[in-house]
Amino acid sequence: MRKAIDGLAAAARHALRQDPFTGDLFVFCNRRRDRLKILYWERSGFWLLHKRLESGTFAWPTSKGASKASEEIDTAQLFALLNGLVVASRRKRWFSWKPRNGDVNAR
């Protein structure tokens, strides 16, 4: 999530093949799914909104095709995503644990 306005506008234009000057909202999410950036063009310039969750992750919409770079969501889905209604609980990291000397109660 290092990109600012110019980098996100370029990503919308080249990677997503969309015009960032249409007035549509472009929502970007980081890999950990705990931060969102929204790029929006208003008549005189761009707005960039950034939301960082203190705990948990966003339930990011999944596309039906694995090669699909973008997904269109409606207004209700966007507001639910931003208001935390579809925020998934924090996922636990996977780890391997092996008991010592065959004792299943030892940690």
PDB file of N, CA and C in Angstrom:
ATOM      1  N   MET A   1       0.829  -1.192   0.000  1.00  0.00           N
ATOM      2  CA  MET A   1       0.000   0.000   0.000  1.00  0.00           C
ATOM      3  C   MET A   1       0.868   1.248   0.000  1.00  0.00           C
ATOM      4  N   ARG A   2       1.917   1.241  -0.757  1.00  0.00           N
ATOM      5  CA  ARG A   2       2.805   2.397  -0.818  1.00  0.00           C
ATOM      6  C   ARG A   2       2.349   3.434  -1.831  1.00  0.00           C
ATOM      7  N   LYS A   3       1.489   3.053  -2.730  1.00  0.00           N
ATOM      8  CA  LYS A   3       1.105   3.969  -3.800  1.00  0.00           C
ATOM      9  C   LYS A   3       0.204   5.080  -3.292  1.00  0.00           C
ATOM     10  N   ALA A   4       0.444   6.255  -3.837  1.00  0.00           N
ATOM     11  CA  ALA A   4      -0.382   7.419  -3.521  1.00  0.00           C
ATOM     12  C   ALA A   4      -1.305   7.681  -4.717  1.00  0.00           C
ATOM     13  N   ILE A   5      -1.767   8.894  -4.857  1.00  0.00           N
ATOM     14  CA  ILE A   5      -2.766   9.218  -5.875  1.00  0.00           C
ATOM     15  C   ILE A   5      -2.288   8.877  -7.287  1.00  0.00           C
ATOM     16  N   ASP A   6      -1.097   9.331  -7.652  1.00  0.00           N
ATOM     17  CA  ASP A   6      -0.617   9.099  -9.017  1.00  0.00           C
ATOM     18  C   ASP A   6      -0.412   7.616  -9.306  1.00  0.00           C
ATOM     19  N   GLY A   7       0.140   6.883  -8.351  1.00  0.00           N
ATOM     20  CA  GLY A   7       0.361   5.455  -8.542  1.00  0.00           C
ATOM     21  C   GLY A   7      -0.935   4.666  -8.640  1.00  0.00           C
ATOM     22  N   LEU A   8      -1.926   5.028  -7.820  1.00  0.00           N
ATOM     23  CA  LEU A   8      -3.214   4.339  -7.879  1.00  0.00           C
ATOM     24  C   LEU A   8      -3.982   4.699  -9.147  1.00  0.00           C
ATOM     25  N   ALA A   9      -3.880   5.948  -9.594  1.00  0.00           N
ATOM     26  CA  ALA A   9      -4.517   6.339 -10.855  1.00  0.00           C
ATOM     27  C   ALA A   9      -3.888   5.587 -12.024  1.00  0.00           C
ATOM     28  N   ALA A  10      -2.571   5.415 -11.994  1.00  0.00           N
ATOM     29  CA  ALA A  10      -1.888   4.644 -13.037  1.00  0.00           C
ATOM     30  C   ALA A  10      -2.297   3.178 -12.983  1.00  0.00           C
ATOM     31  N   ALA A  11      -2.468   2.629 -11.781  1.00  0.00           N
ATOM     32  CA  ALA A  11      -2.920   1.242 -11.649  1.00  0.00           C
ATOM     33  C   ALA A  11      -4.330   1.077 -12.203  1.00  0.00           C
ATOM     34  N   ALA A  12      -5.196   2.034 -11.935  1.00  0.00           N
ATOM     35  CA  ALA A  12      -6.560   1.977 -12.477  1.00  0.00           C
ATOM     36  C   ALA A  12      -6.533   2.051 -13.999  1.00  0.00           C
ATOM     37  N   ARG A  13      -5.668   2.901 -14.520  1.00  0.00           N
ATOM     38  CA  ARG A  13      -5.608   3.106 -15.965  1.00  0.00           C
ATOM     39  C   ARG A  13      -4.988   1.917 -16.685  1.00  0.00           C
ATOM     40  N   HIS A  14      -3.865   1.411 -16.194  1.00  0.00           N
ATOM     41  CA  HIS A  14      -3.118   0.393 -16.928  1.00  0.00           C
ATOM     42  C   HIS A  14      -3.472  -1.034 -16.505  1.00  0.00           C
ATOM     43  N   ALA A  15      -3.449  -1.320 -15.215  1.00  0.00           N
ATOM     44  CA  ALA A  15      -3.700  -2.691 -14.762  1.00  0.00           C
ATOM     45  C   ALA A  15      -5.182  -3.058 -14.861  1.00  0.00           C
ATOM     46  N   LEU A  16      -6.048  -2.129 -14.481  1.00  0.00           N
ATOM     47  CA  LEU A  16      -7.487  -2.411 -14.501  1.00  0.00           C
ATOM     48  C   LEU A  16      -8.147  -1.999 -15.809  1.00  0.00           C
ATOM     49  N   ARG A  17      -7.420  -1.239 -16.637  1.00  0.00           N
ATOM     50  CA  ARG A  17      -7.923  -0.758 -17.926  1.00  0.00           C
ATOM     51  C   ARG A  17      -9.218   0.042 -17.773  1.00  0.00           C
ATOM     52  N   GLN A  18      -9.217   0.917 -16.759  1.00  0.00           N
ATOM     53  CA  GLN A  18     -10.355   1.799 -16.486  1.00  0.00           C
ATOM     54  C   GLN A  18      -9.864   3.240 -16.480  1.00  0.00           C
ATOM     55  N   ASP A  19     -10.767   4.167 -16.748  1.00  0.00           N
ATOM     56  CA  ASP A  19     -10.425   5.586 -16.724  1.00  0.00           C
ATOM     57  C   ASP A  19     -10.657   6.127 -15.318  1.00  0.00           C
ATOM     58  N   PRO A  20      -9.615   6.562 -14.612  1.00  0.00           N
ATOM     59  CA  PRO A  20      -9.800   7.049 -13.241  1.00  0.00           C
ATOM     60  C   PRO A  20     -10.525   8.392 -13.160  1.00  0.00           C
ATOM     61  N   PHE A  21     -10.735   9.064 -14.292  1.00  0.00           N
ATOM     62  CA  PHE A  21     -11.390  10.374 -14.308  1.00  0.00           C
ATOM     63  C   PHE A  21     -12.903  10.281 -14.522  1.00  0.00           C
ATOM     64  N   THR A  22     -13.480   9.100 -14.434  1.00  0.00           N
ATOM     65  CA  THR A  22     -14.915   8.920 -14.675  1.00  0.00           C
ATOM     66  C   THR A  22     -15.767   9.299 -13.480  1.00  0.00           C
ATOM     67  N   GLY A  23     -15.182   9.374 -12.304  1.00  0.00           N
ATOM     68  CA  GLY A  23     -15.963   9.627 -11.095  1.00  0.00           C
ATOM     69  C   GLY A  23     -16.322   8.348 -10.367  1.00  0.00           C
ATOM     70  N   ASP A  24     -15.885   7.201 -10.888  1.00  0.00           N
ATOM     71  CA  ASP A  24     -16.084   5.929 -10.188  1.00  0.00           C
ATOM     72  C   ASP A  24     -15.138   5.854  -9.001  1.00  0.00           C
ATOM     73  N   LEU A  25     -15.497   5.060  -8.021  1.00  0.00           N
ATOM     74  CA  LEU A  25     -14.619   4.809  -6.879  1.00  0.00           C
ATOM     75  C   LEU A  25     -13.761   3.597  -7.191  1.00  0.00           C
ATOM     76  N   PHE A  26     -12.477   3.725  -6.981  1.00  0.00           N
ATOM     77  CA  PHE A  26     -11.553   2.610  -7.146  1.00  0.00           C
ATOM     78  C   PHE A  26     -11.051   2.236  -5.760  1.00  0.00           C
ATOM     79  N   VAL A  27     -11.357   1.017  -5.332  1.00  0.00           N
ATOM     80  CA  VAL A  27     -11.018   0.555  -3.986  1.00  0.00           C
ATOM     81  C   VAL A  27      -9.878  -0.445  -4.107  1.00  0.00           C
ATOM     82  N   PHE A  28      -8.808  -0.192  -3.380  1.00  0.00           N
ATOM     83  CA  PHE A  28      -7.631  -1.055  -3.380  1.00  0.00           C
ATOM     84  C   PHE A  28      -7.430  -1.602  -1.973  1.00  0.00           C
ATOM     85  N   CYS A  29      -7.005  -2.861  -1.891  1.00  0.00           N
ATOM     86  CA  CYS A  29      -6.796  -3.522  -0.599  1.00  0.00           C
ATOM     87  C   CYS A  29      -5.391  -4.115  -0.578  1.00  0.00           C
ATOM     88  N   ASN A  30      -4.753  -4.094   0.588  1.00  0.00           N
ATOM     89  CA  ASN A  30      -3.416  -4.675   0.688  1.00  0.00           C
ATOM     90  C   ASN A  30      -3.507  -6.192   0.855  1.00  0.00           C
ATOM     91  N   ARG A  31      -2.372  -6.863   0.811  1.00  0.00           N
ATOM     92  CA  ARG A  31      -2.347  -8.327   0.895  1.00  0.00           C
ATOM     93  C   ARG A  31      -2.871  -8.852   2.221  1.00  0.00           C
ATOM     94  N   ARG A  32      -2.561  -8.157   3.304  1.00  0.00           N
ATOM     95  CA  ARG A  32      -3.033  -8.602   4.623  1.00  0.00           C
ATOM     96  C   ARG A  32      -4.507  -8.294   4.845  1.00  0.00           C
ATOM     97  N   ARG A  33      -5.090  -7.543   3.950  1.00  0.00           N
ATOM     98  CA  ARG A  33      -6.508  -7.166   3.981  1.00  0.00           C
ATOM     99  C   ARG A  33      -6.885  -6.412   5.245  1.00  0.00           C
ATOM    100  N   ASP A  34      -5.976  -5.605   5.762  1.00  0.00           N
ATOM    101  CA  ASP A  34      -6.309  -4.770   6.916  1.00  0.00           C
ATOM    102  C   ASP A  34      -6.280  -3.280   6.565  1.00  0.00           C
ATOM    103  N   ARG A  35      -6.045  -2.953   5.284  1.00  0.00           N
ATOM    104  CA  ARG A  35      -6.021  -1.557   4.842  1.00  0.00           C
ATOM    105  C   ARG A  35      -6.720  -1.428   3.495  1.00  0.00           C
ATOM    106  N   LEU A  36      -7.452  -0.337   3.358  1.00  0.00           N
ATOM    107  CA  LEU A  36      -8.120  -0.011   2.100  1.00  0.00           C
ATOM    108  C   LEU A  36      -7.736   1.398   1.683  1.00  0.00           C
ATOM    109  N   LYS A  37      -7.631   1.612   0.384  1.00  0.00           N
ATOM    110  CA  LYS A  37      -7.496   2.955  -0.172  1.00  0.00           C
ATOM    111  C   LYS A  37      -8.563   3.111  -1.243  1.00  0.00           C
ATOM    112  N   ILE A  38      -9.219   4.267  -1.221  1.00  0.00           N
ATOM    113  CA  ILE A  38     -10.258   4.564  -2.202  1.00  0.00           C
ATOM    114  C   ILE A  38      -9.834   5.798  -2.979  1.00  0.00           C
ATOM    115  N   LEU A  39      -9.799   5.662  -4.292  1.00  0.00           N
ATOM    116  CA  LEU A  39      -9.441   6.758  -5.181  1.00  0.00           C
ATOM    117  C   LEU A  39     -10.704   7.244  -5.880  1.00  0.00           C
ATOM    118  N   TYR A  40     -10.929   8.548  -5.847  1.00  0.00           N
ATOM    119  CA  TYR A  40     -12.138   9.137  -6.429  1.00  0.00           C
ATOM    120  C   TYR A  40     -11.789  10.459  -7.100  1.00  0.00           C
ATOM    121  N   TRP A  41     -12.244  10.660  -8.327  1.00  0.00           N
ATOM    122  CA  TRP A  41     -12.026  11.913  -9.045  1.00  0.00           C
ATOM    123  C   TRP A  41     -13.243  12.809  -8.880  1.00  0.00           C
ATOM    124  N   GLU A  42     -13.013  14.014  -8.383  1.00  0.00           N
ATOM    125  CA  GLU A  42     -14.030  15.050  -8.330  1.00  0.00           C
ATOM    126  C   GLU A  42     -13.597  16.130  -9.318  1.00  0.00           C
ATOM    127  N   ARG A  43     -14.470  16.967  -9.753  1.00  0.00           N
ATOM    128  CA  ARG A  43     -14.205  17.934 -10.828  1.00  0.00           C
ATOM    129  C   ARG A  43     -12.853  18.627 -10.747  1.00  0.00           C
ATOM    130  N   SER A  44     -12.382  18.933  -9.568  1.00  0.00           N
ATOM    131  CA  SER A  44     -11.147  19.712  -9.445  1.00  0.00           C
ATOM    132  C   SER A  44      -9.927  18.894  -9.033  1.00  0.00           C
ATOM    133  N   GLY A  45     -10.097  17.616  -8.721  1.00  0.00           N
ATOM    134  CA  GLY A  45      -8.949  16.811  -8.317  1.00  0.00           C
ATOM    135  C   GLY A  45      -9.358  15.481  -7.718  1.00  0.00           C
ATOM    136  N   PHE A  46      -8.354  14.722  -7.298  1.00  0.00           N
ATOM    137  CA  PHE A  46      -8.584  13.398  -6.728  1.00  0.00           C
ATOM    138  C   PHE A  46      -8.787  13.474  -5.222  1.00  0.00           C
ATOM    139  N   TRP A  47      -9.609  12.577  -4.719  1.00  0.00           N
ATOM    140  CA  TRP A  47      -9.726  12.295  -3.291  1.00  0.00           C
ATOM    141  C   TRP A  47      -9.046  10.955  -3.063  1.00  0.00           C
ATOM    142  N   LEU A  48      -8.315  10.842  -1.972  1.00  0.00           N
ATOM    143  CA  LEU A  48      -7.735   9.567  -1.575  1.00  0.00           C
ATOM    144  C   LEU A  48      -8.113   9.320  -0.128  1.00  0.00           C
ATOM    145  N   LEU A  49      -8.880   8.272   0.092  1.00  0.00           N
ATOM    146  CA  LEU A  49      -9.290   7.893   1.445  1.00  0.00           C
ATOM    147  C   LEU A  49      -8.547   6.620   1.828  1.00  0.00           C
ATOM    148  N   HIS A  50      -8.125   6.541   3.076  1.00  0.00           N
ATOM    149  CA  HIS A  50      -7.345   5.404   3.561  1.00  0.00           C
ATOM    150  C   HIS A  50      -7.946   4.938   4.874  1.00  0.00           C
ATOM    151  N   LYS A  51      -8.245   3.648   4.978  1.00  0.00           N
ATOM    152  CA  LYS A  51      -8.764   3.092   6.227  1.00  0.00           C
ATOM    153  C   LYS A  51      -7.870   1.940   6.651  1.00  0.00           C
ATOM    154  N   ARG A  52      -7.444   1.979   7.930  1.00  0.00           N
ATOM    155  CA  ARG A  52      -6.616   0.919   8.499  1.00  0.00           C
ATOM    156  C   ARG A  52      -7.361   0.323   9.678  1.00  0.00           C
ATOM    157  N   LEU A  53      -7.535  -0.995   9.666  1.00  0.00           N
ATOM    158  CA  LEU A  53      -8.183  -1.676  10.779  1.00  0.00           C
ATOM    159  C   LEU A  53      -7.174  -1.922  11.890  1.00  0.00           C
ATOM    160  N   GLU A  54      -7.587  -1.712  13.111  1.00  0.00           N
ATOM    161  CA  GLU A  54      -6.722  -2.000  14.257  1.00  0.00           C
ATOM    162  C   GLU A  54      -6.682  -3.493  14.552  1.00  0.00           C
ATOM    163  N   SER A  55      -7.768  -4.199  14.257  1.00  0.00           N
ATOM    164  CA  SER A  55      -7.777  -5.654  14.404  1.00  0.00           C
ATOM    165  C   SER A  55      -8.745  -6.221  13.384  1.00  0.00           C
ATOM    166  N   GLY A  56      -8.520  -7.453  12.990  1.00  0.00           N
ATOM    167  CA  GLY A  56      -9.376  -8.103  12.013  1.00  0.00           C
ATOM    168  C   GLY A  56      -8.945  -7.799  10.588  1.00  0.00           C
ATOM    169  N   THR A  57      -9.694  -8.352   9.658  1.00  0.00           N
ATOM    170  CA  THR A  57      -9.416  -8.156   8.244  1.00  0.00           C
ATOM    171  C   THR A  57     -10.717  -7.852   7.512  1.00  0.00           C
ATOM    172  N   PHE A  58     -10.582  -7.226   6.358  1.00  0.00           N
ATOM    173  CA  PHE A  58     -11.735  -6.987   5.506  1.00  0.00           C
ATOM    174  C   PHE A  58     -12.092  -8.278   4.783  1.00  0.00           C
ATOM    175  N   ALA A  59     -13.370  -8.546   4.654  1.00  0.00           N
ATOM    176  CA  ALA A  59     -13.825  -9.682   3.853  1.00  0.00           C
ATOM    177  C   ALA A  59     -13.891  -9.196   2.411  1.00  0.00           C
ATOM    178  N   TRP A  60     -12.769  -9.244   1.744  1.00  0.00           N
ATOM    179  CA  TRP A  60     -12.647  -8.707   0.396  1.00  0.00           C
ATOM    180  C   TRP A  60     -13.440  -9.572  -0.567  1.00  0.00           C
ATOM    181  N   PRO A  61     -14.240  -8.978  -1.472  1.00  0.00           N
ATOM    182  CA  PRO A  61     -15.015  -9.773  -2.426  1.00  0.00           C
ATOM    183  C   PRO A  61     -14.093 -10.584  -3.322  1.00  0.00           C
ATOM    184  N   THR A  62     -14.440 -11.825  -3.539  1.00  0.00           N
ATOM    185  CA  THR A  62     -13.627 -12.685  -4.397  1.00  0.00           C
ATOM    186  C   THR A  62     -14.268 -12.759  -5.770  1.00  0.00           C
ATOM    187  N   SER A  63     -13.433 -12.751  -6.788  1.00  0.00           N
ATOM    188  CA  SER A  63     -13.943 -12.842  -8.153  1.00  0.00           C
ATOM    189  C   SER A  63     -14.140 -14.301  -8.524  1.00  0.00           C
ATOM    190  N   LYS A  64     -15.031 -14.525  -9.468  1.00  0.00           N
ATOM    191  CA  LYS A  64     -15.323 -15.888  -9.902  1.00  0.00           C
ATOM    192  C   LYS A  64     -14.170 -16.480 -10.697  1.00  0.00           C
ATOM    193  N   GLY A  65     -13.491 -15.651 -11.473  1.00  0.00           N
ATOM    194  CA  GLY A  65     -12.338 -16.100 -12.242  1.00  0.00           C
ATOM    195  C   GLY A  65     -11.052 -15.698 -11.545  1.00  0.00           C
ATOM    196  N   ALA A  66     -10.113 -16.616 -11.451  1.00  0.00           N
ATOM    197  CA  ALA A  66      -8.870 -16.325 -10.733  1.00  0.00           C
ATOM    198  C   ALA A  66      -8.042 -15.260 -11.444  1.00  0.00           C
ATOM    199  N   SER A  67      -8.216 -15.123 -12.765  1.00  0.00           N
ATOM    200  CA  SER A  67      -7.411 -14.155 -13.503  1.00  0.00           C
ATOM    201  C   SER A  67      -8.038 -12.764 -13.521  1.00  0.00           C
ATOM    202  N   LYS A  68      -9.194 -12.603 -12.925  1.00  0.00           N
ATOM    203  CA  LYS A  68      -9.889 -11.317 -12.950  1.00  0.00           C
ATOM    204  C   LYS A  68      -9.198 -10.331 -12.012  1.00  0.00           C
ATOM    205  N   ALA A  69      -8.786  -9.180 -12.561  1.00  0.00           N
ATOM    206  CA  ALA A  69      -8.039  -8.195 -11.773  1.00  0.00           C
ATOM    207  C   ALA A  69      -8.949  -7.285 -10.975  1.00  0.00           C
ATOM    208  N   SER A  70     -10.204  -7.143 -11.394  1.00  0.00           N
ATOM    209  CA  SER A  70     -11.102  -6.229 -10.698  1.00  0.00           C
ATOM    210  C   SER A  70     -12.463  -6.876 -10.489  1.00  0.00           C
ATOM    211  N   GLU A  71     -13.164  -6.350  -9.536  1.00  0.00           N
ATOM    212  CA  GLU A  71     -14.508  -6.831  -9.207  1.00  0.00           C
ATOM    213  C   GLU A  71     -15.387  -5.616  -8.977  1.00  0.00           C
ATOM    214  N   GLU A  72     -16.545  -5.589  -9.589  1.00  0.00           N
ATOM    215  CA  GLU A  72     -17.467  -4.473  -9.408  1.00  0.00           C
ATOM    216  C   GLU A  72     -18.411  -4.802  -8.254  1.00  0.00           C
ATOM    217  N   ILE A  73     -18.511  -3.871  -7.300  1.00  0.00           N
ATOM    218  CA  ILE A  73     -19.430  -4.049  -6.183  1.00  0.00           C
ATOM    219  C   ILE A  73     -20.408  -2.883  -6.172  1.00  0.00           C
ATOM    220  N   ASP A  74     -21.575  -3.118  -5.589  1.00  0.00           N
ATOM    221  CA  ASP A  74     -22.569  -2.047  -5.553  1.00  0.00           C
ATOM    222  C   ASP A  74     -22.373  -1.192  -4.305  1.00  0.00           C
ATOM    223  N   THR A  75     -23.181  -0.151  -4.199  1.00  0.00           N
ATOM    224  CA  THR A  75     -23.053   0.812  -3.107  1.00  0.00           C
ATOM    225  C   THR A  75     -23.275   0.161  -1.749  1.00  0.00           C
ATOM    226  N   ALA A  76     -24.264  -0.719  -1.655  1.00  0.00           N
ATOM    227  CA  ALA A  76     -24.551  -1.383  -0.378  1.00  0.00           C
ATOM    228  C   ALA A  76     -23.374  -2.241   0.075  1.00  0.00           C
ATOM    229  N   GLN A  77     -22.745  -2.950  -0.856  1.00  0.00           N
ATOM    230  CA  GLN A  77     -21.584  -3.774  -0.505  1.00  0.00           C
ATOM    231  C   GLN A  77     -20.412  -2.907  -0.056  1.00  0.00           C
ATOM    232  N   LEU A  78     -20.216  -1.769  -0.716  1.00  0.00           N
ATOM    233  CA  LEU A  78     -19.126  -0.873  -0.329  1.00  0.00           C
ATOM    234  C   LEU A  78     -19.353  -0.313   1.066  1.00  0.00           C
ATOM    235  N   PHE A  79     -20.569   0.158   1.355  1.00  0.00           N
ATOM    236  CA  PHE A  79     -20.849   0.699   2.682  1.00  0.00           C
ATOM    237  C   PHE A  79     -20.727  -0.374   3.762  1.00  0.00           C
ATOM    238  N   ALA A  80     -21.168  -1.591   3.464  1.00  0.00           N
ATOM    239  CA  ALA A  80     -21.019  -2.677   4.431  1.00  0.00           C
ATOM    240  C   ALA A  80     -19.543  -2.972   4.681  1.00  0.00           C
ATOM    241  N   LEU A  81     -18.753  -2.968   3.619  1.00  0.00           N
ATOM    242  CA  LEU A  81     -17.313  -3.204   3.754  1.00  0.00           C
ATOM    243  C   LEU A  81     -16.655  -2.120   4.594  1.00  0.00           C
ATOM    244  N   LEU A  82     -17.004  -0.858   4.342  1.00  0.00           N
ATOM    245  CA  LEU A  82     -16.396   0.259   5.068  1.00  0.00           C
ATOM    246  C   LEU A  82     -16.874   0.365   6.508  1.00  0.00           C
ATOM    247  N   ASN A  83     -18.107  -0.021   6.773  1.00  0.00           N
ATOM    248  CA  ASN A  83     -18.660   0.074   8.123  1.00  0.00           C
ATOM    249  C   ASN A  83     -18.346  -1.137   8.981  1.00  0.00           C
ATOM    250  N   GLY A  84     -17.642  -2.098   8.432  1.00  0.00           N
ATOM    251  CA  GLY A  84     -17.238  -3.247   9.220  1.00  0.00           C
ATOM    252  C   GLY A  84     -18.268  -4.345   9.302  1.00  0.00           C
ATOM    253  N   LEU A  85     -19.320  -4.269   8.517  1.00  0.00           N
ATOM    254  CA  LEU A  85     -20.347  -5.300   8.592  1.00  0.00           C
ATOM    255  C   LEU A  85     -19.891  -6.613   7.990  1.00  0.00           C
ATOM    256  N   VAL A  86     -18.927  -6.557   7.094  1.00  0.00           N
ATOM    257  CA  VAL A  86     -18.416  -7.775   6.489  1.00  0.00           C
ATOM    258  C   VAL A  86     -16.955  -7.997   6.859  1.00  0.00           C
ATOM    259  N   VAL A  87     -16.529  -7.407   7.943  1.00  0.00           N
ATOM    260  CA  VAL A  87     -15.151  -7.585   8.386  1.00  0.00           C
ATOM    261  C   VAL A  87     -15.030  -8.954   9.030  1.00  0.00           C
ATOM    262  N   ALA A  88     -14.157  -9.769   8.485  1.00  0.00           N
ATOM    263  CA  ALA A  88     -13.945 -11.112   9.016  1.00  0.00           C
ATOM    264  C   ALA A  88     -13.084 -11.021  10.264  1.00  0.00           C
ATOM    265  N   SER A  89     -13.225 -12.001  11.130  1.00  0.00           N
ATOM    266  CA  SER A  89     -12.386 -12.017  12.325  1.00  0.00           C
ATOM    267  C   SER A  89     -10.945 -12.292  11.920  1.00  0.00           C
ATOM    268  N   ARG A  90     -10.046 -11.875  12.752  1.00  0.00           N
ATOM    269  CA  ARG A  90      -8.624 -12.038  12.454  1.00  0.00           C
ATOM    270  C   ARG A  90      -8.314 -13.522  12.310  1.00  0.00           C
ATOM    271  N   ARG A  91      -7.646 -13.842  11.228  1.00  0.00           N
ATOM    272  CA  ARG A  91      -7.286 -15.231  10.977  1.00  0.00           C
ATOM    273  C   ARG A  91      -6.064 -15.599  11.803  1.00  0.00           C
ATOM    274  N   LYS A  92      -6.091 -16.781  12.375  1.00  0.00           N
ATOM    275  CA  LYS A  92      -4.953 -17.241  13.162  1.00  0.00           C
ATOM    276  C   LYS A  92      -3.878 -17.765  12.224  1.00  0.00           C
ATOM    277  N   ARG A  93      -2.646 -17.489  12.583  1.00  0.00           N
ATOM    278  CA  ARG A  93      -1.533 -17.993  11.790  1.00  0.00           C
ATOM    279  C   ARG A  93      -1.376 -19.487  12.033  1.00  0.00           C
ATOM    280  N   TRP A  94      -1.034 -20.188  10.985  1.00  0.00           N
ATOM    281  CA  TRP A  94      -0.826 -21.616  11.084  1.00  0.00           C
ATOM    282  C   TRP A  94       0.542 -21.869  11.687  1.00  0.00           C
ATOM    283  N   PHE A  95       0.623 -22.828  12.574  1.00  0.00           N
ATOM    284  CA  PHE A  95       1.919 -23.207  13.117  1.00  0.00           C
ATOM    285  C   PHE A  95       1.923 -24.707  13.353  1.00  0.00           C
ATOM    286  N   SER A  96       3.107 -25.253  13.388  1.00  0.00           N
ATOM    287  CA  SER A  96       3.275 -26.681  13.611  1.00  0.00           C
ATOM    288  C   SER A  96       3.732 -26.900  15.045  1.00  0.00           C
ATOM    289  N   TRP A  97       3.068 -27.786  15.739  1.00  0.00           N
ATOM    290  CA  TRP A  97       3.425 -28.097  17.113  1.00  0.00           C
ATOM    291  C   TRP A  97       3.611 -29.593  17.234  1.00  0.00           C
ATOM    292  N   LYS A  98       4.731 -29.997  17.806  1.00  0.00           N
ATOM    293  CA  LYS A  98       5.011 -31.412  18.015  1.00  0.00           C
ATOM    294  C   LYS A  98       5.268 -31.632  19.491  1.00  0.00           C
ATOM    295  N   PRO A  99       4.620 -32.611  20.089  1.00  0.00           N
ATOM    296  CA  PRO A  99       4.846 -32.875  21.512  1.00  0.00           C
ATOM    297  C   PRO A  99       6.261 -33.401  21.750  1.00  0.00           C
ATOM    298  N   ARG A 100       6.802 -33.045  22.917  1.00  0.00           N
ATOM    299  CA  ARG A 100       8.128 -33.529  23.294  1.00  0.00           C
ATOM    300  C   ARG A 100       8.004 -34.909  23.929  1.00  0.00           C
ATOM    301  N   ASN A 101       8.847 -35.801  23.518  1.00  0.00           N
ATOM    302  CA  ASN A 101       8.935 -37.148  24.099  1.00  0.00           C
ATOM    303  C   ASN A 101       7.592 -37.865  24.132  1.00  0.00           C
ATOM    304  N   GLY A 102       6.767 -37.631  23.168  1.00  0.00           N
ATOM    305  CA  GLY A 102       5.498 -38.343  23.088  1.00  0.00           C
ATOM    306  C   GLY A 102       4.434 -37.862  24.051  1.00  0.00           C
ATOM    307  N   ASP A 103       4.716 -36.821  24.846  1.00  0.00           N
ATOM    308  CA  ASP A 103       3.735 -36.303  25.800  1.00  0.00           C
ATOM    309  C   ASP A 103       2.820 -35.320  25.078  1.00  0.00           C
ATOM    310  N   VAL A 104       1.557 -35.658  24.922  1.00  0.00           N
ATOM    311  CA  VAL A 104       0.633 -34.797  24.187  1.00  0.00           C
ATOM    312  C   VAL A 104       0.198 -33.591  25.007  1.00  0.00           C
ATOM    313  N   ASN A 105       0.408 -33.611  26.334  1.00  0.00           N
ATOM    314  CA  ASN A 105       0.011 -32.493  27.179  1.00  0.00           C
ATOM    315  C   ASN A 105       1.121 -31.467  27.378  1.00  0.00           C
ATOM    316  N   ALA A 106       2.345 -31.793  26.975  1.00  0.00           N
ATOM    317  CA  ALA A 106       3.475 -30.869  27.152  1.00  0.00           C
ATOM    318  C   ALA A 106       3.441 -29.799  26.072  1.00  0.00           C
ATOM    319  N   ARG A 107       3.777 -28.589  26.459  1.00  0.00           N
ATOM    320  CA  ARG A 107       3.845 -27.491  25.476  1.00  0.00           C
ATOM    321  C   ARG A 107       5.128 -26.792  25.647  1.00  0.00           C
TER     322      ARG A 107
END
